[in-house]
Amino acid sequence: MAAERDRVKAAADWAQAAQRADEASGHALAMTRARAVADLVEAAGSAKEAARLLGRQPPIVSRLVTKALAVGEGQATPTGVLVRGLGKDQVHAAVRSHDIPAIAGLTHTRSMRSLWSAAVRRVSARSPDAGRLSPFQPSPAEWGVRLQPVIAARAAEDLPLRVLETGLWAHRDRPWQQASPARLLFPESVRELRAAALLECVFEPAALDPSTWGSSGTPVVPPWLAARTQWQLDTLGLPLAYVAVLSQGHDWRLYRLPFEPEQAGALRLAAEDFLNAVARVEPPAEHDRGFTAKDLATVTAEAERLAHLGAEAERTAEANEDFGQREVRLGQQILEDIAHAARRGSYELSQVLGHHHLANVDFLLRPS
């Protein structure tokens, strides 16, 4: 009961703050306000109770909820459907784009264990976590939310497509696979709103690390962002994503990421394993190795490099009677696992590298 009260209070605080921010911005944040009020109605259980908490008339609250639910209406994507048409169980037992980096072990900001705990609570309660940042908390994530309309508007100047706000989407054949891109992009000359690409908006307060961020126009972005973007493309069935990035308040870049089927397939495997762990109420194993530092695009090359070293070590073992048959068999097994992982994708490789202890594979890296 106390947790439920806290959830309602957090939703009310967020809705009130969004209301103040919208009024102060000349209603530039009207959609943020509408979504915050819609979340409060869900948490409070009725528009009447939400109106009481906000000190507003119920009809005003109802109009805001209608506005929030209407985002994305009339838009179409090759494989996506608006979540508005899904049942509650399908909405709650889901993996969304912001979950994927943690599930795939590609971020240090949130562990897969904490994500699993939150998912188990959400599914058990059949209600979403409040889990919202205070609108006045000076964090990069908070500023990213506030600056998203600005970044999207700037990106629209560089793109020969209509840039429209959108809603939460699910894959038509996999309702648990969901994504909420910042914007969808539509051809200017076509009246039908059928998306051609999507846009992600990112705010980075510090200078971009050149080891993970490429030049504007390239597809080189950090692994966590690549995973999130590929998940969105896979959910909606789109061939292309643009990622607009503003760093240090002045460094502007626009990246272009095509759809990568192999990466998307690997992420789906990771998500399915995660959802199975949620269903069993069994905590998933965390990623044991430093896979988070590897770019998704370089994982297969890394597997091939290790396989080459392993083959060299195996040839050395055959010529060295003291090496021992046990090490040879172990090396062969690891090589088979790595080759299989490379075929299936980055997630599988991360699991193989995590399950084989460093002491067992050290001889593969030992100079001959």
Protein backbone atom coordinates (compact mmCIF):
# COMPACT_ATOMS: atom_id res chain seq x y z
CA MET A 1 0.00 0.00 0.00
CA ALA A 2 2.81 2.40 0.89
CA ALA A 3 4.54 1.61 -2.41
CA GLU A 4 1.30 2.36 -4.28
CA ARG A 5 0.95 5.72 -2.50
CA ASP A 6 4.55 6.57 -3.35
CA ARG A 7 3.94 5.70 -6.99
CA VAL A 8 0.86 7.95 -7.17
CA LYS A 9 2.70 10.79 -5.42
CA ALA A 10 5.66 10.49 -7.81
CA ALA A 11 3.31 10.58 -10.81
CA ALA A 12 1.47 13.60 -9.39
CA ASP A 13 4.72 15.46 -8.72
CA TRP A 14 5.88 14.78 -12.27
CA ALA A 15 2.56 15.90 -13.78
CA GLN A 16 2.58 19.14 -11.78
CA ALA A 17 6.17 19.88 -12.75
CA ALA A 18 5.43 19.14 -16.43
CA GLN A 19 2.46 21.49 -16.24
CA ARG A 20 4.62 24.32 -14.89
CA ALA A 21 7.34 23.67 -17.46
CA ASP A 22 4.81 23.66 -20.32
CA GLU A 23 3.33 26.99 -19.24
CA ALA A 24 6.77 28.56 -18.80
CA SER A 25 7.89 27.40 -22.26
CA GLY A 26 4.90 28.86 -24.08
CA HIS A 27 3.39 25.37 -24.41
CA ALA A 28 6.41 23.96 -26.25
CA LEU A 29 6.19 20.99 -23.85
CA ALA A 30 2.48 20.36 -24.30
CA MET A 31 2.96 16.73 -25.26
CA THR A 32 5.26 16.07 -22.31
CA ARG A 33 2.56 17.50 -20.06
CA ALA A 34 -0.16 15.38 -21.69
CA ARG A 35 1.87 12.21 -21.24
CA ALA A 36 2.62 13.05 -17.62
CA VAL A 37 -1.08 13.55 -16.90
CA ALA A 38 -1.94 10.29 -18.68
CA ASP A 39 0.57 8.47 -16.46
CA LEU A 40 -1.00 10.04 -13.39
CA VAL A 41 -4.48 8.91 -14.43
CA GLU A 42 -3.19 5.35 -14.76
CA ALA A 43 -1.44 5.52 -11.39
CA ALA A 44 -4.38 7.16 -9.58
CA GLY A 45 -6.96 4.87 -11.14
CA SER A 46 -9.28 7.51 -12.59
CA ALA A 47 -9.34 10.91 -14.29
CA LYS A 48 -11.41 12.26 -11.39
CA GLU A 49 -8.76 11.38 -8.80
CA ALA A 50 -5.98 12.69 -11.04
CA ALA A 51 -7.89 15.96 -11.45
CA ARG A 52 -8.21 16.25 -7.67
CA LEU A 53 -4.47 15.75 -7.21
CA LEU A 54 -3.69 18.37 -9.86
CA GLY A 55 -6.34 20.86 -8.76
CA ARG A 56 -7.90 20.78 -12.23
CA GLN A 57 -11.32 20.01 -13.64
CA PRO A 58 -11.84 16.38 -14.81
CA PRO A 59 -12.71 17.42 -18.40
CA ILE A 60 -9.32 19.14 -18.74
CA VAL A 61 -7.55 16.01 -17.54
CA SER A 62 -9.58 13.85 -19.93
CA ARG A 63 -8.63 16.05 -22.90
CA LEU A 64 -4.95 15.79 -22.01
CA VAL A 65 -5.17 12.00 -21.77
CA THR A 66 -6.88 11.86 -25.16
CA LYS A 67 -4.11 14.01 -26.63
CA ALA A 68 -1.41 11.72 -25.21
CA LEU A 69 -3.10 8.59 -26.51
CA ALA A 70 -3.54 10.09 -29.96
CA VAL A 71 0.20 10.47 -30.59
CA GLY A 72 1.06 8.30 -33.58
CA GLU A 73 -2.54 7.91 -34.77
CA GLY A 74 -2.70 7.66 -38.54
CA GLN A 75 0.98 6.73 -38.80
CA ALA A 76 2.08 3.40 -40.24
CA THR A 77 5.28 1.36 -40.21
CA PRO A 78 6.12 -1.92 -42.01
CA THR A 79 6.00 -4.17 -38.91
CA GLY A 80 4.95 -1.93 -36.01
CA VAL A 81 1.56 -1.39 -34.37
CA LEU A 82 0.70 1.27 -31.81
CA VAL A 83 0.67 -0.12 -28.29
CA ARG A 84 -2.69 1.59 -27.73
CA GLY A 85 -4.31 -1.44 -29.36
CA LEU A 86 -2.60 -4.03 -27.16
CA GLY A 87 -3.86 -5.69 -24.01
CA LYS A 88 -2.36 -4.72 -20.64
CA ASP A 89 -0.53 -8.03 -20.21
CA GLN A 90 1.20 -7.50 -23.56
CA VAL A 91 2.22 -3.98 -22.57
CA HIS A 92 3.74 -4.92 -19.22
CA ALA A 93 5.55 -8.12 -20.30
CA ALA A 94 7.68 -6.22 -22.78
CA VAL A 95 11.23 -5.19 -23.61
CA ARG A 96 11.57 -1.62 -24.83
CA SER A 97 14.44 0.08 -26.59
CA HIS A 98 15.80 1.72 -23.44
CA ASP A 99 16.01 -1.73 -21.79
CA ILE A 100 18.13 -3.35 -24.50
CA PRO A 101 21.57 -1.87 -23.65
CA ALA A 102 21.39 -3.31 -20.11
CA ILE A 103 20.04 -6.66 -21.30
CA ALA A 104 22.85 -6.98 -23.84
CA GLY A 105 25.49 -5.88 -21.30
CA LEU A 106 26.36 -2.74 -23.23
CA THR A 107 26.02 -0.10 -20.52
CA HIS A 108 27.35 0.57 -17.03
CA THR A 109 24.47 2.87 -16.05
CA ARG A 110 22.10 0.03 -15.21
CA SER A 111 22.69 -3.65 -14.56
CA MET A 112 20.63 -6.44 -16.04
CA ARG A 113 19.87 -7.65 -12.48
CA SER A 114 18.25 -4.34 -11.50
CA LEU A 115 16.31 -4.30 -14.77
CA TRP A 116 15.10 -7.85 -14.08
CA SER A 117 13.96 -6.89 -10.57
CA ALA A 118 11.97 -3.95 -11.93
CA ALA A 119 10.42 -6.13 -14.66
CA VAL A 120 9.35 -8.80 -12.16
CA ARG A 121 7.67 -6.15 -9.99
CA ARG A 122 5.97 -4.59 -13.01
CA VAL A 123 4.63 -7.89 -14.31
CA SER A 124 3.53 -9.04 -10.85
CA ALA A 125 1.72 -5.78 -10.12
CA ARG A 126 0.45 -5.36 -13.70
CA SER A 127 1.36 -1.70 -13.42
CA PRO A 128 4.37 0.31 -14.66
CA ASP A 129 7.01 1.59 -12.26
CA ALA A 130 6.77 5.30 -11.61
CA GLY A 131 10.55 5.49 -11.83
CA ARG A 132 10.60 9.01 -13.22
CA LEU A 133 13.32 11.55 -12.70
CA SER A 134 12.38 14.70 -10.86
CA PRO A 135 11.93 17.41 -13.50
CA PHE A 136 14.44 19.54 -11.57
CA GLN A 137 17.13 16.90 -11.14
CA PRO A 138 20.21 18.17 -13.05
CA SER A 139 21.12 14.93 -14.81
CA PRO A 140 22.08 14.29 -18.46
CA ALA A 141 19.01 12.06 -18.86
CA GLU A 142 16.73 14.81 -17.60
CA TRP A 143 18.27 17.40 -19.92
CA GLY A 144 18.01 14.93 -22.78
CA VAL A 145 14.24 14.72 -22.27
CA ARG A 146 13.88 18.49 -22.06
CA LEU A 147 16.05 19.17 -25.10
CA GLN A 148 14.53 16.48 -27.33
CA PRO A 149 12.11 18.90 -29.10
CA VAL A 150 15.01 21.30 -29.76
CA ILE A 151 17.29 18.58 -31.11
CA ALA A 152 14.50 17.14 -33.27
CA ALA A 153 13.71 20.58 -34.71
CA ARG A 154 17.38 21.12 -35.59
CA ALA A 155 17.57 17.68 -37.25
CA ALA A 156 14.50 18.53 -39.34
CA GLU A 157 16.49 21.34 -40.95
CA ASP A 158 19.00 18.81 -42.33
CA LEU A 159 16.60 16.05 -43.36
CA PRO A 160 14.54 15.98 -46.59
CA LEU A 161 11.70 14.26 -44.70
CA ARG A 162 8.78 15.26 -42.52
CA VAL A 163 9.72 14.88 -38.85
CA LEU A 164 6.73 13.97 -36.67
CA GLU A 165 6.32 13.03 -33.03
CA THR A 166 5.14 9.48 -32.49
CA GLY A 167 4.05 7.04 -29.80
CA LEU A 168 4.97 3.64 -28.38
CA TRP A 169 5.09 0.83 -30.93
CA ALA A 170 5.19 -2.95 -30.73
CA HIS A 171 6.20 -5.49 -33.36
CA ARG A 172 3.07 -6.95 -34.93
CA ASP A 173 4.26 -10.57 -34.47
CA ARG A 174 6.15 -10.03 -31.19
CA PRO A 175 4.04 -7.78 -28.90
CA TRP A 176 6.75 -7.96 -26.24
CA GLN A 177 9.20 -6.17 -28.56
CA GLN A 178 8.46 -2.46 -28.16
CA ALA A 179 10.08 0.84 -29.09
CA SER A 180 9.35 4.54 -28.75
CA PRO A 181 11.60 6.48 -31.13
CA ALA A 182 11.93 10.21 -30.60
CA ARG A 183 10.43 10.92 -34.04
CA LEU A 184 9.36 9.14 -37.21
CA LEU A 185 10.33 10.43 -40.65
CA PHE A 186 7.89 10.54 -43.58
CA PRO A 187 8.28 11.45 -47.27
CA GLU A 188 7.17 15.03 -47.94
CA SER A 189 5.36 14.27 -51.19
CA VAL A 190 3.21 11.40 -49.93
CA ARG A 191 -0.05 12.12 -48.13
CA GLU A 192 -0.15 8.71 -46.43
CA LEU A 193 1.84 8.73 -43.18
CA ARG A 194 3.93 5.63 -43.83
CA ALA A 195 7.31 5.99 -42.11
CA ALA A 196 10.49 5.79 -44.15
CA ALA A 197 12.99 6.11 -41.28
CA LEU A 198 13.23 7.09 -37.62
CA LEU A 199 15.09 9.71 -35.62
CA GLU A 200 16.79 9.36 -32.24
CA CYS A 201 17.77 12.46 -30.24
CA VAL A 202 20.70 12.36 -27.82
CA PHE A 203 22.14 14.98 -25.48
CA GLU A 204 25.69 14.51 -24.20
CA PRO A 205 26.94 17.17 -21.76
CA ALA A 206 30.63 16.29 -22.21
CA ALA A 207 32.81 16.10 -25.32
CA LEU A 208 32.20 13.00 -27.44
CA ASP A 209 34.81 10.28 -27.00
CA PRO A 210 36.46 9.80 -30.43
CA SER A 211 37.04 6.12 -29.65
CA THR A 212 33.27 5.46 -29.69
CA TRP A 213 31.81 8.40 -31.62
CA GLY A 214 32.60 8.78 -35.32
CA SER A 215 32.25 11.78 -37.57
CA SER A 216 28.86 13.19 -38.49
CA GLY A 217 27.25 11.21 -41.30
CA THR A 218 28.84 7.90 -40.29
CA PRO A 219 27.16 4.98 -38.46
CA VAL A 220 29.81 4.97 -35.70
CA VAL A 221 28.10 5.50 -32.33
CA PRO A 222 28.62 3.89 -28.89
CA PRO A 223 27.47 0.26 -28.56
CA TRP A 224 24.58 1.07 -26.20
CA LEU A 225 23.16 3.58 -28.68
CA ALA A 226 23.68 1.26 -31.65
CA ALA A 227 21.79 -1.49 -29.80
CA ARG A 228 18.92 0.82 -28.89
CA THR A 229 18.64 2.08 -32.44
CA GLN A 230 18.79 -1.37 -34.03
CA TRP A 231 16.06 -2.54 -31.64
CA GLN A 232 13.82 0.30 -32.79
CA LEU A 233 14.47 -0.39 -36.47
CA ASP A 234 13.74 -4.08 -35.95
CA THR A 235 10.52 -3.36 -34.07
CA LEU A 236 9.14 -1.01 -36.72
CA GLY A 237 10.63 -2.78 -39.76
CA LEU A 238 12.41 0.36 -40.96
CA PRO A 239 15.62 0.32 -43.03
CA LEU A 240 17.29 3.46 -41.70
CA ALA A 241 17.72 5.58 -38.57
CA TYR A 242 19.20 9.01 -38.04
CA VAL A 243 20.74 9.85 -34.67
CA ALA A 244 20.92 13.55 -33.85
CA VAL A 245 23.46 14.37 -31.13
CA LEU A 246 24.10 17.62 -29.30
CA SER A 247 27.15 17.68 -27.02
CA GLN A 248 28.63 20.47 -24.91
CA GLY A 249 25.78 22.70 -26.05
CA HIS A 250 27.37 23.41 -29.45
CA ASP A 251 28.83 20.25 -31.05
CA TRP A 252 26.12 19.09 -33.47
CA ARG A 253 26.26 15.77 -35.32
CA LEU A 254 23.81 13.72 -37.34
CA TYR A 255 24.62 10.02 -37.70
CA ARG A 256 23.12 7.62 -40.24
CA LEU A 257 22.59 3.99 -39.13
CA PRO A 258 21.25 1.37 -41.56
CA PHE A 259 19.41 -1.68 -40.28
CA GLU A 260 21.71 -4.59 -39.37
CA PRO A 261 19.72 -7.88 -39.36
CA GLU A 262 22.41 -9.91 -37.59
CA GLN A 263 22.72 -7.41 -34.75
CA ALA A 264 18.95 -7.20 -34.40
CA GLY A 265 18.68 -10.98 -34.27
CA ALA A 266 21.29 -11.17 -31.53
CA LEU A 267 19.41 -8.56 -29.50
CA ARG A 268 16.16 -10.51 -29.88
CA LEU A 269 17.88 -13.62 -28.51
CA ALA A 270 19.07 -11.62 -25.51
CA ALA A 271 15.59 -10.19 -24.93
CA GLU A 272 13.92 -13.60 -25.16
CA ASP A 273 16.33 -15.02 -22.59
CA PHE A 274 15.65 -12.03 -20.34
CA LEU A 275 11.86 -12.41 -20.57
CA ASN A 276 12.16 -16.13 -19.85
CA ALA A 277 14.12 -15.25 -16.70
CA VAL A 278 11.37 -12.79 -15.71
CA ALA A 279 8.68 -15.43 -16.27
CA ARG A 280 10.60 -17.96 -14.14
CA VAL A 281 11.30 -15.28 -11.50
CA GLU A 282 14.91 -16.40 -11.86
CA PRO A 283 17.60 -13.69 -11.85
CA PRO A 284 19.62 -13.70 -15.08
CA ALA A 285 23.39 -14.08 -14.99
CA GLU A 286 25.23 -10.80 -15.38
CA HIS A 287 27.83 -10.43 -18.11
CA ASP A 288 31.10 -11.49 -16.48
CA ARG A 289 33.57 -10.08 -18.98
CA GLY A 290 34.30 -6.63 -20.38
CA PHE A 291 31.97 -7.06 -23.34
CA THR A 292 30.46 -3.66 -22.68
CA ALA A 293 33.54 -1.97 -24.16
CA LYS A 294 33.22 -3.69 -27.54
CA ASP A 295 31.34 -2.17 -30.41
CA LEU A 296 28.63 -4.42 -31.82
CA ALA A 297 30.11 -4.02 -35.28
CA THR A 298 33.51 -5.44 -34.24
CA VAL A 299 32.39 -8.51 -32.29
CA THR A 300 32.55 -10.95 -35.17
CA ALA A 301 36.06 -9.74 -36.06
CA GLU A 302 37.10 -10.27 -32.44
CA ALA A 303 35.77 -13.83 -32.55
CA GLU A 304 37.73 -14.53 -35.71
CA ARG A 305 40.90 -13.12 -34.11
CA LEU A 306 40.50 -15.37 -31.05
CA ALA A 307 39.77 -18.35 -33.26
CA HIS A 308 42.99 -17.66 -35.20
CA LEU A 309 45.02 -17.46 -31.99
CA GLY A 310 43.40 -20.65 -30.78
CA ALA A 311 44.28 -22.46 -33.99
CA GLU A 312 47.89 -21.32 -33.63
CA ALA A 313 47.95 -22.54 -30.04
CA GLU A 314 46.49 -25.87 -31.10
CA ARG A 315 49.20 -26.34 -33.73
CA THR A 316 51.83 -25.50 -31.10
CA ALA A 317 50.25 -28.03 -28.75
CA GLU A 318 50.51 -30.79 -31.31
CA ALA A 319 54.26 -30.16 -31.56
CA ASN A 320 54.77 -29.95 -27.79
CA GLU A 321 54.45 -33.26 -25.95
CA ASP A 322 54.38 -31.51 -22.56
CA PHE A 323 51.37 -29.33 -23.43
CA GLY A 324 48.91 -32.09 -22.54
CA GLN A 325 45.85 -33.55 -24.15
CA ARG A 326 43.47 -31.86 -21.68
CA GLU A 327 44.50 -28.37 -22.83
CA VAL A 328 44.11 -29.41 -26.47
CA ARG A 329 40.56 -30.69 -25.90
CA LEU A 330 39.65 -27.57 -23.92
CA GLY A 331 41.02 -25.34 -26.67
CA GLN A 332 39.02 -27.21 -29.30
CA GLN A 333 35.82 -26.87 -27.28
CA ILE A 334 36.33 -23.15 -26.75
CA LEU A 335 37.06 -22.65 -30.44
CA GLU A 336 33.86 -24.45 -31.37
CA ASP A 337 31.88 -22.31 -28.92
CA ILE A 338 33.41 -19.08 -30.23
CA ALA A 339 32.76 -20.04 -33.86
CA HIS A 340 29.14 -20.87 -33.03
CA ALA A 341 28.75 -17.58 -31.15
CA ALA A 342 30.20 -15.60 -34.03
CA ARG A 343 27.62 -17.13 -36.34
CA ARG A 344 24.71 -16.33 -34.04
CA GLY A 345 25.79 -12.80 -33.13
CA SER A 346 27.28 -10.55 -30.49
CA TYR A 347 25.02 -11.57 -27.60
CA GLU A 348 25.92 -15.23 -27.97
CA LEU A 349 29.61 -14.33 -28.11
CA SER A 350 29.35 -12.30 -24.91
CA GLN A 351 27.83 -15.31 -23.15
CA VAL A 352 30.56 -17.68 -24.36
CA LEU A 353 33.33 -15.31 -23.32
CA GLY A 354 31.65 -14.83 -19.94
CA HIS A 355 31.20 -18.54 -19.25
CA HIS A 356 34.79 -19.53 -20.00
CA HIS A 357 37.01 -18.31 -17.17
CA LEU A 358 40.12 -16.34 -18.10
CA ALA A 359 42.36 -19.01 -16.59
CA ASN A 360 40.97 -21.55 -19.03
CA VAL A 361 41.60 -19.47 -22.15
CA ASP A 362 44.88 -17.90 -21.09
CA PHE A 363 46.87 -20.47 -23.02
CA LEU A 364 45.12 -19.33 -26.22
CA LEU A 365 46.73 -15.91 -25.85
CA ARG A 366 50.13 -17.18 -24.70
CA PRO A 367 52.91 -16.33 -27.17
CA SER A 368 54.17 -19.40 -29.03
